[in-house]
């Protein structure tokens, strides 16, 4: 079993059973004009529809400096194709999330979560109760988080704030 498979199993074990949410990882390798480009990506699906995509969701972000890893999105010129350098931070955030105790999980701000991944994970986490889910939905602007919370609460139409 690969390292990703073990990590995937560990994080998905924290999700509410039968939620229909999965976290996936892949590495895309391109050979364009004799130049090899490697783009690792992580995406999350809910009912087989992608709700979070590391590369797609990060393209519109402003440049975010990440010490030792360059910038957090695909820019132009010298900043182009830096996903490979920012990808390890996402893996580190997932490991950090898994190791976080239940009693501090909800209020924890993950320092290197530049993409909003941990809020999506919190929305699916079986250790987080209904009151805190409603609080998370109220304070988030992330549509993926809202979709997961709506699914967890059995809401067919999104809850109006």
Protein backbone atom coordinates (compact mmCIF):
# COMPACT_ATOMS: atom_id res chain seq x y z
CA UNK A 1 0.00 0.00 0.00
CA UNK A 2 1.41 3.41 -0.93
CA UNK A 3 1.94 6.28 1.49
CA UNK A 4 -0.93 8.22 -0.13
CA UNK A 5 -3.31 5.25 0.30
CA UNK A 6 -2.52 5.11 4.01
CA UNK A 7 -2.97 8.86 4.42
CA UNK A 8 -6.22 8.76 2.40
CA UNK A 9 -7.59 5.97 4.61
CA UNK A 10 -6.64 7.81 7.80
CA UNK A 11 -8.35 11.05 6.77
CA UNK A 12 -11.43 9.36 5.30
CA UNK A 13 -11.86 7.36 8.54
CA UNK A 14 -12.58 10.71 10.22
CA UNK A 15 -15.44 11.51 7.81
CA UNK A 16 -19.07 10.88 8.76
CA UNK A 17 -20.00 7.38 7.50
CA UNK A 18 -22.00 7.29 4.26
CA UNK A 19 -21.31 10.97 3.55
CA UNK A 20 -20.14 10.18 0.04
CA UNK A 21 -17.01 12.30 0.36
CA UNK A 22 -13.60 11.18 -0.90
CA UNK A 23 -10.17 12.76 -1.07
CA UNK A 24 -8.02 11.88 -4.06
CA UNK A 25 -4.48 12.57 -5.19
CA UNK A 26 -2.72 12.25 -8.53
CA UNK A 27 0.39 13.49 -10.26
CA UNK A 28 0.11 14.73 -13.81
CA UNK A 29 3.31 14.59 -15.86
CA UNK A 30 3.51 16.60 -19.06
CA UNK A 31 6.21 16.67 -21.70
CA UNK A 32 5.81 20.00 -23.46
CA UNK A 33 8.51 21.01 -25.92
CA UNK A 34 11.03 18.64 -24.32
CA UNK A 35 10.40 20.09 -20.88
CA UNK A 36 8.97 17.83 -18.20
CA UNK A 37 6.33 19.43 -15.99
CA UNK A 38 5.00 17.70 -12.88
CA UNK A 39 1.71 18.89 -11.37
CA UNK A 40 0.60 17.02 -8.23
CA UNK A 41 -2.98 17.69 -7.27
CA UNK A 42 -5.46 16.85 -4.54
CA UNK A 43 -9.20 17.03 -5.03
CA UNK A 44 -12.23 16.25 -2.89
CA UNK A 45 -15.46 14.81 -4.22
CA UNK A 46 -18.90 14.82 -2.67
CA UNK A 47 -21.33 12.40 -4.31
CA UNK A 48 -18.75 11.97 -7.10
CA UNK A 49 -18.74 15.71 -7.93
CA UNK A 50 -15.53 17.67 -7.40
CA UNK A 51 -16.03 20.33 -4.73
CA UNK A 52 -12.37 21.17 -3.98
CA UNK A 53 -9.45 21.04 -6.40
CA UNK A 54 -5.98 22.14 -5.30
CA UNK A 55 -4.83 23.36 -8.69
CA UNK A 56 -8.09 24.77 -10.08
CA UNK A 57 -9.19 26.46 -6.86
CA UNK A 58 -5.78 28.03 -6.34
CA UNK A 59 -5.38 29.65 -9.79
CA UNK A 60 -7.43 32.69 -8.88
CA UNK A 61 -5.68 33.30 -5.59
CA UNK A 62 -3.28 36.16 -5.17
CA UNK A 63 0.39 35.30 -4.80
CA UNK A 64 0.85 33.89 -1.31
CA UNK A 65 4.47 33.51 -0.20
CA UNK A 66 5.20 30.10 1.28
CA UNK A 67 8.62 29.95 2.95
CA UNK A 68 10.86 27.34 1.28
CA UNK A 69 8.15 26.49 -1.26
CA UNK A 70 7.82 29.47 -3.56
CA UNK A 71 4.29 30.74 -4.16
CA UNK A 72 0.93 29.07 -3.81
CA UNK A 73 -0.49 29.39 -7.29
CA UNK A 74 0.48 29.10 -10.93
CA UNK A 75 1.54 32.56 -11.98
CA UNK A 76 3.35 33.98 -14.96
CA UNK A 77 7.04 34.19 -15.71
CA UNK A 78 9.39 33.06 -12.98
CA UNK A 79 6.53 31.96 -10.68
CA UNK A 80 5.10 29.54 -13.23
CA UNK A 81 4.63 25.90 -12.19
CA UNK A 82 5.35 26.03 -8.50
CA UNK A 83 2.75 23.46 -7.43
CA UNK A 84 5.42 20.83 -6.91
CA UNK A 85 7.05 23.08 -4.32
CA UNK A 86 3.78 24.01 -2.53
CA UNK A 87 2.32 20.49 -2.63
CA UNK A 88 4.27 19.16 0.40
CA UNK A 89 2.65 21.84 2.56
CA UNK A 90 -0.80 20.46 1.74
CA UNK A 91 0.30 16.95 2.74
CA UNK A 92 1.78 18.38 5.97
CA UNK A 93 -1.54 20.13 6.71
CA UNK A 94 -3.43 16.83 6.29
CA UNK A 95 -1.04 15.05 8.68
CA UNK A 96 -1.34 17.93 11.15
CA UNK A 97 -5.14 17.81 10.88
CA UNK A 98 -5.23 14.06 11.61
CA UNK A 99 -3.03 14.48 14.70
CA UNK A 100 -5.08 17.36 16.15
CA UNK A 101 -7.04 16.33 19.26
CA UNK A 102 -10.83 16.60 19.15
CA UNK A 103 -11.02 19.20 21.92
CA UNK A 104 -8.94 21.78 19.98
CA UNK A 105 -9.83 20.82 16.40
CA UNK A 106 -12.70 23.22 15.72
CA UNK A 107 -10.90 26.39 16.85
CA UNK A 108 -7.50 25.43 15.45
CA UNK A 109 -6.12 27.58 12.67
CA UNK A 110 -3.72 25.58 10.54
CA UNK A 111 -0.81 27.87 9.72
CA UNK A 112 0.00 26.40 6.31
CA UNK A 113 -3.55 25.88 5.05
CA UNK A 114 -3.41 28.47 2.29
CA UNK A 115 -6.25 26.86 0.33
CA UNK A 116 -9.10 26.35 2.85
CA UNK A 117 -8.70 22.57 2.91
CA UNK A 118 -9.09 22.16 6.68
CA UNK A 119 -12.52 23.80 6.75
CA UNK A 120 -13.72 21.26 4.17
CA UNK A 121 -12.26 18.49 6.33
CA UNK A 122 -13.90 19.93 9.47
CA UNK A 123 -17.28 19.99 7.72
CA UNK A 124 -17.00 16.23 7.07
CA UNK A 125 -15.35 15.27 10.37
CA UNK A 126 -17.52 13.04 12.56
CA UNK A 127 -15.84 14.55 15.67
CA UNK A 128 -17.54 17.90 15.00
CA UNK A 129 -21.12 18.23 16.21
CA UNK A 130 -24.17 19.94 14.75
CA UNK A 131 -23.83 23.21 16.71
CA UNK A 132 -20.26 23.71 15.57
CA UNK A 133 -21.20 22.77 11.99
CA UNK A 134 -23.82 25.52 11.95
CA UNK A 135 -21.27 27.96 13.37
CA UNK A 136 -18.75 26.93 10.68
CA UNK A 137 -21.34 27.42 7.94
CA UNK A 138 -22.22 30.83 9.27
CA UNK A 139 -18.63 32.09 9.23
CA UNK A 140 -17.40 30.54 5.96
CA UNK A 141 -17.49 31.88 2.43
CA UNK A 142 -16.27 28.54 1.03
CA UNK A 143 -18.98 26.90 -1.10
CA UNK A 144 -17.42 23.43 -0.71
CA UNK A 145 -17.74 23.70 3.08
CA UNK A 146 -21.39 24.74 2.76
CA UNK A 147 -22.15 21.80 0.44
CA UNK A 148 -20.62 19.30 2.87
CA UNK A 149 -22.48 20.78 5.84
CA UNK A 150 -25.78 20.77 3.93
CA UNK A 151 -25.24 17.11 3.03
CA UNK A 152 -24.36 16.21 6.64
CA UNK A 153 -27.45 17.92 7.97
CA UNK A 154 -29.63 16.26 5.34
CA UNK A 155 -30.64 19.54 3.78
CA UNK A 156 -31.84 19.35 0.19
CA UNK A 157 -31.96 23.11 -0.27
CA UNK A 158 -29.08 25.25 1.10
CA UNK A 159 -29.80 26.82 4.49
CA UNK A 160 -30.42 30.56 4.21
CA UNK A 161 -28.36 32.69 6.57
